[in-house]
N, C-alpha and C. Protein backbone atom coordinates (compact mmCIF):
# COMPACT_ATOMS: atom_id res chain seq x y z
N MET A 1 -25.81 -21.74 -12.47
CA MET A 1 -24.70 -22.11 -12.66
C MET A 1 -24.44 -23.77 -11.95
N LYS A 2 -24.05 -24.65 -12.59
CA LYS A 2 -23.90 -26.03 -12.25
C LYS A 2 -22.90 -26.19 -11.55
N THR A 3 -23.04 -27.12 -10.32
CA THR A 3 -21.82 -27.57 -9.49
C THR A 3 -20.94 -28.54 -10.24
N LEU A 4 -19.82 -28.74 -9.69
CA LEU A 4 -19.01 -29.68 -10.28
C LEU A 4 -19.51 -31.12 -10.10
N ILE A 5 -20.23 -31.30 -9.09
CA ILE A 5 -20.84 -32.71 -8.96
C ILE A 5 -21.85 -32.88 -9.85
N GLU A 6 -22.61 -32.12 -10.36
CA GLU A 6 -23.61 -32.22 -11.06
C GLU A 6 -23.12 -32.33 -12.62
N LYS A 7 -21.89 -31.61 -13.02
CA LYS A 7 -21.41 -31.92 -14.27
C LYS A 7 -20.69 -33.20 -14.17
N LEU A 8 -20.00 -33.91 -13.06
CA LEU A 8 -19.69 -35.11 -13.07
C LEU A 8 -20.57 -36.16 -13.18
N ASN A 9 -21.83 -35.73 -12.63
CA ASN A 9 -22.75 -36.83 -12.93
C ASN A 9 -23.35 -36.96 -14.42
N GLN A 10 -23.28 -35.96 -14.89
CA GLN A 10 -23.69 -35.85 -16.49
C GLN A 10 -22.77 -36.60 -17.32
N ILE A 11 -21.39 -36.50 -16.77
CA ILE A 11 -20.32 -36.99 -17.73
C ILE A 11 -20.55 -38.33 -17.47
N LYS A 12 -20.75 -38.91 -16.01
CA LYS A 12 -21.00 -40.40 -15.79
C LYS A 12 -21.93 -40.81 -16.67
N GLY A 13 -23.16 -40.24 -16.81
CA GLY A 13 -24.30 -40.77 -17.49
C GLY A 13 -23.72 -40.80 -18.96
N PHE A 14 -23.21 -39.70 -19.69
CA PHE A 14 -22.80 -39.79 -20.84
C PHE A 14 -21.75 -41.06 -21.55
N LEU A 15 -20.76 -41.12 -20.28
CA LEU A 15 -19.90 -42.28 -20.71
C LEU A 15 -20.44 -43.68 -20.52
N TYR A 16 -21.70 -43.90 -19.67
CA TYR A 16 -22.36 -45.04 -19.50
C TYR A 16 -23.03 -45.45 -20.83
N MET A 17 -23.60 -44.32 -21.34
CA MET A 17 -24.26 -44.41 -22.66
C MET A 17 -23.38 -44.68 -23.85
N LEU A 18 -22.26 -43.99 -23.82
CA LEU A 18 -21.05 -44.45 -24.95
C LEU A 18 -20.82 -45.67 -24.80
N ILE A 19 -20.13 -46.26 -23.66
CA ILE A 19 -19.86 -47.68 -23.52
C ILE A 19 -20.64 -48.63 -23.69
N THR A 20 -22.22 -48.46 -23.46
CA THR A 20 -23.12 -49.53 -23.53
C THR A 20 -23.49 -49.19 -25.10
N GLY A 21 -23.43 -48.21 -25.80
CA GLY A 21 -23.81 -48.07 -26.92
C GLY A 21 -22.63 -48.62 -27.99
N THR A 22 -21.36 -48.39 -27.70
CA THR A 22 -20.24 -49.24 -28.37
C THR A 22 -20.46 -50.72 -28.27
N TRP A 23 -21.02 -51.14 -27.02
CA TRP A 23 -21.27 -52.49 -27.04
C TRP A 23 -22.28 -53.19 -27.85
N TYR A 24 -23.32 -52.33 -27.76
CA TYR A 24 -24.51 -53.01 -28.70
C TYR A 24 -24.05 -52.75 -30.25
N PHE A 25 -23.43 -51.76 -30.69
CA PHE A 25 -23.03 -51.41 -31.83
C PHE A 25 -21.97 -52.72 -32.34
N LEU A 26 -21.07 -52.93 -31.56
CA LEU A 26 -20.08 -54.28 -31.77
C LEU A 26 -20.97 -55.55 -31.91
N GLN A 27 -21.97 -55.73 -30.96
CA GLN A 27 -22.69 -57.16 -31.15
C GLN A 27 -23.41 -57.12 -32.52
N GLY A 28 -23.80 -55.86 -32.87
CA GLY A 28 -24.63 -55.83 -34.25
C GLY A 28 -23.88 -56.06 -35.55
N VAL A 29 -22.74 -55.15 -35.35
CA VAL A 29 -21.91 -55.25 -36.58
C VAL A 29 -21.07 -56.35 -36.63
N ILE A 30 -20.28 -56.64 -35.96
CA ILE A 30 -19.49 -58.00 -35.88
C ILE A 30 -20.00 -59.29 -35.86
N GLY A 31 -21.06 -59.29 -35.15
CA GLY A 31 -21.93 -60.53 -35.08
C GLY A 31 -21.46 -61.47 -34.07
N ILE A 32 -21.78 -62.77 -34.10
CA ILE A 32 -21.26 -63.65 -32.89
C ILE A 32 -19.78 -63.91 -33.31
N VAL A 33 -19.01 -63.62 -32.42
CA VAL A 33 -17.47 -63.84 -32.68
C VAL A 33 -17.11 -64.17 -31.11
N THR A 34 -15.81 -64.59 -30.97
CA THR A 34 -15.36 -65.03 -29.60
C THR A 34 -15.49 -63.69 -28.67
N LYS A 35 -15.46 -64.06 -27.38
CA LYS A 35 -15.63 -63.02 -26.32
C LYS A 35 -14.24 -62.22 -26.29
N LYS A 36 -13.28 -62.96 -26.72
CA LYS A 36 -12.03 -62.14 -26.68
C LYS A 36 -11.83 -61.11 -27.88
N LYS A 37 -12.54 -61.49 -28.98
CA LYS A 37 -12.51 -60.68 -30.02
C LYS A 37 -13.13 -59.43 -29.54
N ILE A 38 -14.43 -59.68 -29.25
CA ILE A 38 -15.31 -58.32 -28.75
C ILE A 38 -14.50 -57.36 -27.74
N LYS A 39 -13.77 -58.08 -26.80
CA LYS A 39 -13.00 -57.17 -25.98
C LYS A 39 -12.05 -56.62 -26.51
N GLU A 40 -11.58 -57.06 -27.43
CA GLU A 40 -10.31 -56.48 -28.43
C GLU A 40 -11.00 -55.31 -28.93
N HIS A 41 -11.85 -55.57 -29.82
CA HIS A 41 -12.68 -54.41 -30.72
C HIS A 41 -13.33 -53.20 -29.62
N SER A 42 -13.77 -53.58 -28.71
CA SER A 42 -14.60 -53.01 -27.80
C SER A 42 -13.43 -51.85 -27.05
N ALA A 43 -12.33 -52.35 -26.59
CA ALA A 43 -11.21 -51.48 -26.25
C ALA A 43 -10.82 -50.70 -27.19
N LEU A 44 -10.70 -51.01 -28.19
CA LEU A 44 -10.08 -50.08 -29.37
C LEU A 44 -10.90 -48.82 -29.77
N ILE A 45 -12.10 -49.24 -29.90
CA ILE A 45 -13.04 -48.22 -30.38
C ILE A 45 -13.46 -47.27 -28.97
N THR A 46 -13.45 -47.65 -27.99
CA THR A 46 -13.54 -47.09 -26.50
C THR A 46 -12.64 -46.05 -26.45
N VAL A 47 -11.25 -46.49 -26.45
CA VAL A 47 -9.98 -45.75 -26.33
C VAL A 47 -10.11 -44.51 -27.46
N VAL A 48 -10.31 -44.80 -28.72
CA VAL A 48 -10.37 -43.82 -29.72
C VAL A 48 -11.46 -42.82 -29.32
N VAL A 49 -12.24 -43.10 -29.03
CA VAL A 49 -13.74 -42.20 -28.81
C VAL A 49 -13.50 -41.32 -27.54
N LEU A 50 -12.85 -41.99 -26.49
CA LEU A 50 -12.50 -41.16 -25.07
C LEU A 50 -11.45 -40.35 -25.49
N PHE A 51 -10.33 -40.46 -26.60
CA PHE A 51 -9.42 -39.66 -26.99
C PHE A 51 -9.80 -38.29 -27.52
N PHE A 52 -10.93 -38.46 -28.43
CA PHE A 52 -11.44 -37.17 -29.11
C PHE A 52 -12.44 -36.57 -28.07
N VAL A 53 -13.09 -37.30 -27.21
CA VAL A 53 -14.04 -36.66 -26.32
C VAL A 53 -13.48 -36.03 -25.11
N SER A 54 -12.63 -36.68 -24.55
CA SER A 54 -11.99 -36.17 -23.05
C SER A 54 -11.53 -34.80 -23.00
N ALA A 55 -10.97 -34.37 -24.10
CA ALA A 55 -10.41 -32.81 -24.21
C ALA A 55 -11.70 -31.94 -24.28
N LYS A 56 -12.84 -32.34 -24.85
CA LYS A 56 -13.78 -31.40 -24.93
C LYS A 56 -14.58 -31.58 -23.52
N VAL A 57 -14.73 -32.55 -22.97
CA VAL A 57 -15.16 -32.65 -21.62
C VAL A 57 -14.34 -31.90 -20.60
N LEU A 58 -13.26 -31.94 -20.86
CA LEU A 58 -12.44 -31.17 -19.90
C LEU A 58 -12.48 -29.62 -19.91
N ARG A 59 -12.49 -29.32 -21.24
CA ARG A 59 -12.86 -27.87 -21.37
C ARG A 59 -14.33 -27.29 -20.76
N TRP A 60 -15.22 -28.57 -21.15
CA TRP A 60 -16.56 -28.25 -20.64
C TRP A 60 -16.71 -28.04 -19.13
N ILE A 61 -15.66 -28.91 -18.29
CA ILE A 61 -15.60 -28.66 -16.85
C ILE A 61 -14.66 -27.33 -16.47
N ASP A 62 -13.62 -27.26 -17.07
CA ASP A 62 -12.58 -26.03 -16.79
C ASP A 62 -12.25 -25.37 -18.07
N PRO A 63 -12.98 -24.27 -18.42
CA PRO A 63 -12.30 -23.69 -19.79
C PRO A 63 -11.23 -23.13 -19.75
N THR A 64 -10.46 -23.10 -18.55
CA THR A 64 -9.02 -22.66 -18.61
C THR A 64 -7.94 -23.67 -18.81
N ALA A 65 -8.35 -24.80 -18.75
CA ALA A 65 -7.66 -26.00 -18.73
C ALA A 65 -6.70 -25.93 -20.11
N GLY A 66 -5.23 -26.46 -19.83
CA GLY A 66 -4.59 -26.34 -21.15
C GLY A 66 -4.21 -27.68 -21.57
N VAL A 67 -3.32 -27.77 -22.44
CA VAL A 67 -3.05 -29.03 -23.17
C VAL A 67 -2.34 -30.05 -22.30
N PHE A 68 -1.59 -29.62 -21.33
CA PHE A 68 -1.10 -30.37 -20.60
C PHE A 68 -1.95 -31.20 -19.61
N ASP A 69 -3.11 -30.63 -19.18
CA ASP A 69 -4.23 -31.08 -18.45
C ASP A 69 -4.99 -31.85 -19.36
N ALA A 70 -4.97 -31.97 -20.66
CA ALA A 70 -5.64 -33.05 -21.43
C ALA A 70 -4.94 -34.14 -21.56
N GLY A 71 -3.55 -33.94 -21.56
CA GLY A 71 -2.74 -35.13 -21.80
C GLY A 71 -2.89 -35.83 -20.38
N VAL A 72 -2.85 -35.14 -19.30
CA VAL A 72 -2.97 -36.10 -17.84
C VAL A 72 -4.09 -36.96 -17.99
N LEU A 73 -5.29 -36.18 -18.49
CA LEU A 73 -6.63 -36.86 -18.38
C LEU A 73 -6.54 -38.03 -19.45
N GLN A 74 -5.80 -37.91 -20.55
CA GLN A 74 -5.81 -39.15 -21.43
C GLN A 74 -5.06 -40.20 -20.60
N VAL A 75 -4.24 -40.20 -19.80
CA VAL A 75 -3.74 -41.38 -19.17
C VAL A 75 -4.40 -42.01 -18.26
N ILE A 76 -5.09 -41.16 -17.50
CA ILE A 76 -6.35 -41.69 -16.81
C ILE A 76 -7.35 -42.66 -17.60
N ASN A 77 -7.76 -41.84 -18.69
CA ASN A 77 -8.84 -42.49 -19.50
C ASN A 77 -8.35 -43.83 -20.01
N LEU A 78 -7.23 -43.94 -20.63
CA LEU A 78 -6.37 -45.16 -21.24
C LEU A 78 -6.21 -46.14 -20.11
N THR A 79 -5.77 -45.94 -18.82
CA THR A 79 -5.80 -46.69 -17.84
C THR A 79 -6.97 -47.36 -17.27
N LEU A 80 -7.94 -46.51 -17.22
CA LEU A 80 -9.32 -47.22 -16.88
C LEU A 80 -9.92 -48.14 -17.83
N VAL A 81 -9.72 -47.64 -19.24
CA VAL A 81 -10.36 -48.71 -20.19
C VAL A 81 -9.58 -50.04 -19.97
N LYS A 82 -8.15 -50.03 -20.21
CA LYS A 82 -7.28 -51.07 -20.03
C LYS A 82 -7.56 -52.05 -18.95
N TYR A 83 -7.73 -51.33 -17.85
CA TYR A 83 -8.30 -52.07 -16.69
C TYR A 83 -9.58 -52.70 -16.61
N ALA A 84 -10.55 -52.08 -17.13
CA ALA A 84 -11.83 -52.59 -17.27
C ALA A 84 -12.12 -53.59 -18.52
N VAL A 85 -11.24 -53.51 -19.40
CA VAL A 85 -11.34 -54.41 -20.59
C VAL A 85 -10.53 -55.83 -20.34
N TYR A 86 -9.48 -55.58 -19.84
CA TYR A 86 -8.41 -56.85 -19.60
C TYR A 86 -8.51 -57.56 -18.08
N THR A 87 -9.47 -57.33 -17.40
CA THR A 87 -9.43 -57.81 -16.10
C THR A 87 -10.85 -58.60 -16.02
């Protein structure tokens, strides 16, 4: 049985791959555009992906988690993405 720290390390690695993959995808598909446009698109795609993935991740960490817990996690995810993109 994995400990919580091991699960969180796996999630950290997954999110790193997701964000870097999204970045390279945007660079390839959109092409060379202004830095501001890349930031806008990457934030939208990251938020949408995190919206759908975070509930599954929460259920993976804690199978007894309910809908309210997923909503709280969404607020944290959106705040972190907005802070990372717009600062």
